[in-house]
Amino acid sequence: MEPKNCAAVEDTTNGLRAALAAGMTVYAVPNPHFPPDPAVLAQTTVVATITDLPAALES
């Protein structure tokens, strides 16, 4: 499957970077205790909690 047709869900800076580098659509679920780099978060769709993910995927 082509990366552009895939979505990744991550909570770490390195995970987000890897998914972005692969060309995937990236959803970030930041961990408030270990927040990802804000510059990397700005390149993703941020969802507050994992339970918000289904609605984000539909949009």
N, C-alpha and C. Protein backbone atom coordinates (compact mmCIF):
# COMPACT_ATOMS: atom_id res chain seq x y z
N MET A 1 0.84 -1.17 0.00
CA MET A 1 0.00 0.00 0.00
C MET A 1 0.89 1.24 0.00
N GLU A 2 0.50 2.21 -0.75
CA GLU A 2 1.24 3.46 -0.82
C GLU A 2 1.13 4.22 0.51
N PRO A 3 2.23 4.83 0.98
CA PRO A 3 2.18 5.56 2.24
C PRO A 3 1.12 6.67 2.25
N LYS A 4 0.88 7.30 1.12
CA LYS A 4 -0.12 8.38 1.07
C LYS A 4 -1.53 7.85 1.37
N ASN A 5 -1.72 6.54 1.26
CA ASN A 5 -3.01 5.92 1.55
C ASN A 5 -3.06 5.34 2.95
N CYS A 6 -2.05 5.64 3.76
CA CYS A 6 -1.96 5.10 5.12
C CYS A 6 -2.02 6.23 6.14
N ALA A 7 -2.40 5.85 7.34
CA ALA A 7 -2.39 6.80 8.46
C ALA A 7 -1.59 6.19 9.59
N ALA A 8 -0.87 7.03 10.29
CA ALA A 8 -0.10 6.60 11.45
C ALA A 8 -0.61 7.36 12.67
N VAL A 9 -0.62 6.68 13.80
CA VAL A 9 -1.01 7.29 15.07
C VAL A 9 0.21 7.16 15.98
N GLU A 10 0.71 8.28 16.45
CA GLU A 10 1.93 8.28 17.25
C GLU A 10 1.81 9.25 18.42
N ASP A 11 2.70 9.05 19.40
CA ASP A 11 2.72 9.96 20.55
C ASP A 11 4.12 10.47 20.86
N THR A 12 5.11 10.07 20.09
CA THR A 12 6.48 10.52 20.36
C THR A 12 7.02 11.33 19.18
N THR A 13 7.97 12.18 19.46
CA THR A 13 8.57 12.99 18.41
C THR A 13 9.17 12.12 17.32
N ASN A 14 9.95 11.12 17.71
CA ASN A 14 10.59 10.28 16.69
C ASN A 14 9.58 9.46 15.89
N GLY A 15 8.54 8.98 16.53
CA GLY A 15 7.50 8.26 15.81
C GLY A 15 6.79 9.15 14.82
N LEU A 16 6.50 10.37 15.24
CA LEU A 16 5.85 11.33 14.35
C LEU A 16 6.76 11.66 13.17
N ARG A 17 8.03 11.89 13.44
CA ARG A 17 8.98 12.19 12.36
C ARG A 17 9.08 11.05 11.36
N ALA A 18 9.13 9.83 11.86
CA ALA A 18 9.24 8.67 10.99
C ALA A 18 8.02 8.55 10.08
N ALA A 19 6.84 8.71 10.64
CA ALA A 19 5.62 8.61 9.85
C ALA A 19 5.54 9.74 8.82
N LEU A 20 5.91 10.94 9.21
CA LEU A 20 5.93 12.05 8.27
C LEU A 20 6.93 11.80 7.15
N ALA A 21 8.11 11.30 7.49
CA ALA A 21 9.14 11.02 6.48
C ALA A 21 8.68 9.93 5.51
N ALA A 22 7.85 9.02 6.00
CA ALA A 22 7.34 7.96 5.14
C ALA A 22 6.25 8.46 4.19
N GLY A 23 5.72 9.65 4.45
CA GLY A 23 4.69 10.21 3.60
C GLY A 23 3.28 9.85 3.99
N MET A 24 3.11 9.43 5.24
CA MET A 24 1.78 9.05 5.73
C MET A 24 1.04 10.26 6.27
N THR A 25 -0.29 10.13 6.38
CA THR A 25 -1.08 11.09 7.14
C THR A 25 -0.84 10.74 8.60
N VAL A 26 -0.53 11.76 9.40
CA VAL A 26 -0.10 11.48 10.78
C VAL A 26 -1.05 12.14 11.78
N TYR A 27 -1.49 11.31 12.73
CA TYR A 27 -2.32 11.77 13.83
C TYR A 27 -1.48 11.65 15.10
N ALA A 28 -1.38 12.75 15.81
CA ALA A 28 -0.61 12.78 17.05
C ALA A 28 -1.56 12.75 18.24
N VAL A 29 -1.25 11.89 19.19
CA VAL A 29 -1.96 11.83 20.46
C VAL A 29 -0.90 12.10 21.53
N PRO A 30 -0.61 13.38 21.78
CA PRO A 30 0.50 13.74 22.65
C PRO A 30 0.35 13.24 24.09
N ASN A 31 1.43 12.76 24.63
CA ASN A 31 1.51 12.38 26.03
C ASN A 31 1.88 13.63 26.82
N PRO A 32 1.02 14.10 27.71
CA PRO A 32 1.31 15.35 28.44
C PRO A 32 2.57 15.25 29.32
N HIS A 33 2.97 14.05 29.69
CA HIS A 33 4.16 13.89 30.53
C HIS A 33 5.44 13.92 29.71
N PHE A 34 5.36 13.60 28.43
CA PHE A 34 6.50 13.61 27.52
C PHE A 34 6.05 14.19 26.19
N PRO A 35 5.74 15.49 26.16
CA PRO A 35 5.16 16.08 24.95
C PRO A 35 6.13 16.08 23.76
N PRO A 36 5.61 15.80 22.58
CA PRO A 36 6.44 15.85 21.37
C PRO A 36 6.87 17.28 21.05
N ASP A 37 7.86 17.39 20.22
CA ASP A 37 8.38 18.68 19.76
C ASP A 37 7.24 19.46 19.08
N PRO A 38 6.98 20.69 19.51
CA PRO A 38 5.89 21.49 18.92
C PRO A 38 6.04 21.69 17.41
N ALA A 39 7.26 21.80 16.93
CA ALA A 39 7.46 21.99 15.48
C ALA A 39 7.02 20.75 14.71
N VAL A 40 7.22 19.58 15.28
CA VAL A 40 6.79 18.33 14.64
C VAL A 40 5.27 18.20 14.75
N LEU A 41 4.72 18.53 15.92
CA LEU A 41 3.26 18.48 16.09
C LEU A 41 2.53 19.35 15.08
N ALA A 42 3.14 20.47 14.73
CA ALA A 42 2.51 21.40 13.79
C ALA A 42 2.31 20.79 12.41
N GLN A 43 3.00 19.70 12.11
CA GLN A 43 2.90 19.04 10.81
C GLN A 43 1.89 17.89 10.82
N THR A 44 1.20 17.71 11.94
CA THR A 44 0.29 16.58 12.10
C THR A 44 -1.12 17.07 12.43
N THR A 45 -2.04 16.13 12.49
CA THR A 45 -3.36 16.40 13.05
C THR A 45 -3.31 15.93 14.49
N VAL A 46 -3.51 16.85 15.41
CA VAL A 46 -3.42 16.53 16.84
C VAL A 46 -4.80 16.19 17.36
N VAL A 47 -4.90 15.06 18.05
CA VAL A 47 -6.13 14.68 18.74
C VAL A 47 -5.83 14.62 20.22
N ALA A 48 -6.76 15.09 21.02
CA ALA A 48 -6.53 15.20 22.46
C ALA A 48 -6.36 13.85 23.14
N THR A 49 -7.21 12.89 22.77
CA THR A 49 -7.14 11.56 23.37
C THR A 49 -7.39 10.52 22.29
N ILE A 50 -7.02 9.30 22.56
CA ILE A 50 -7.22 8.24 21.58
C ILE A 50 -8.70 8.03 21.26
N THR A 51 -9.57 8.37 22.20
CA THR A 51 -11.01 8.21 21.94
C THR A 51 -11.51 9.24 20.92
N ASP A 52 -10.75 10.29 20.67
CA ASP A 52 -11.11 11.28 19.66
C ASP A 52 -10.66 10.87 18.26
N LEU A 53 -9.88 9.80 18.17
CA LEU A 53 -9.31 9.40 16.90
C LEU A 53 -10.37 9.01 15.85
N PRO A 54 -11.39 8.23 16.16
CA PRO A 54 -12.37 7.87 15.12
C PRO A 54 -12.98 9.08 14.43
N ALA A 55 -13.32 10.11 15.18
CA ALA A 55 -13.91 11.31 14.57
C ALA A 55 -12.89 12.01 13.67
N ALA A 56 -11.62 12.02 14.10
CA ALA A 56 -10.58 12.66 13.30
C ALA A 56 -10.37 11.89 11.99
N LEU A 57 -10.43 10.58 12.04
CA LEU A 57 -10.25 9.76 10.84
C LEU A 57 -11.39 9.96 9.85
N GLU A 58 -12.58 10.24 10.34
CA GLU A 58 -13.73 10.44 9.46
C GLU A 58 -13.68 11.78 8.75
N SER A 59 -12.98 12.73 9.31
CA SER A 59 -12.96 14.08 8.70
C SER A 59 -11.89 14.23 7.64
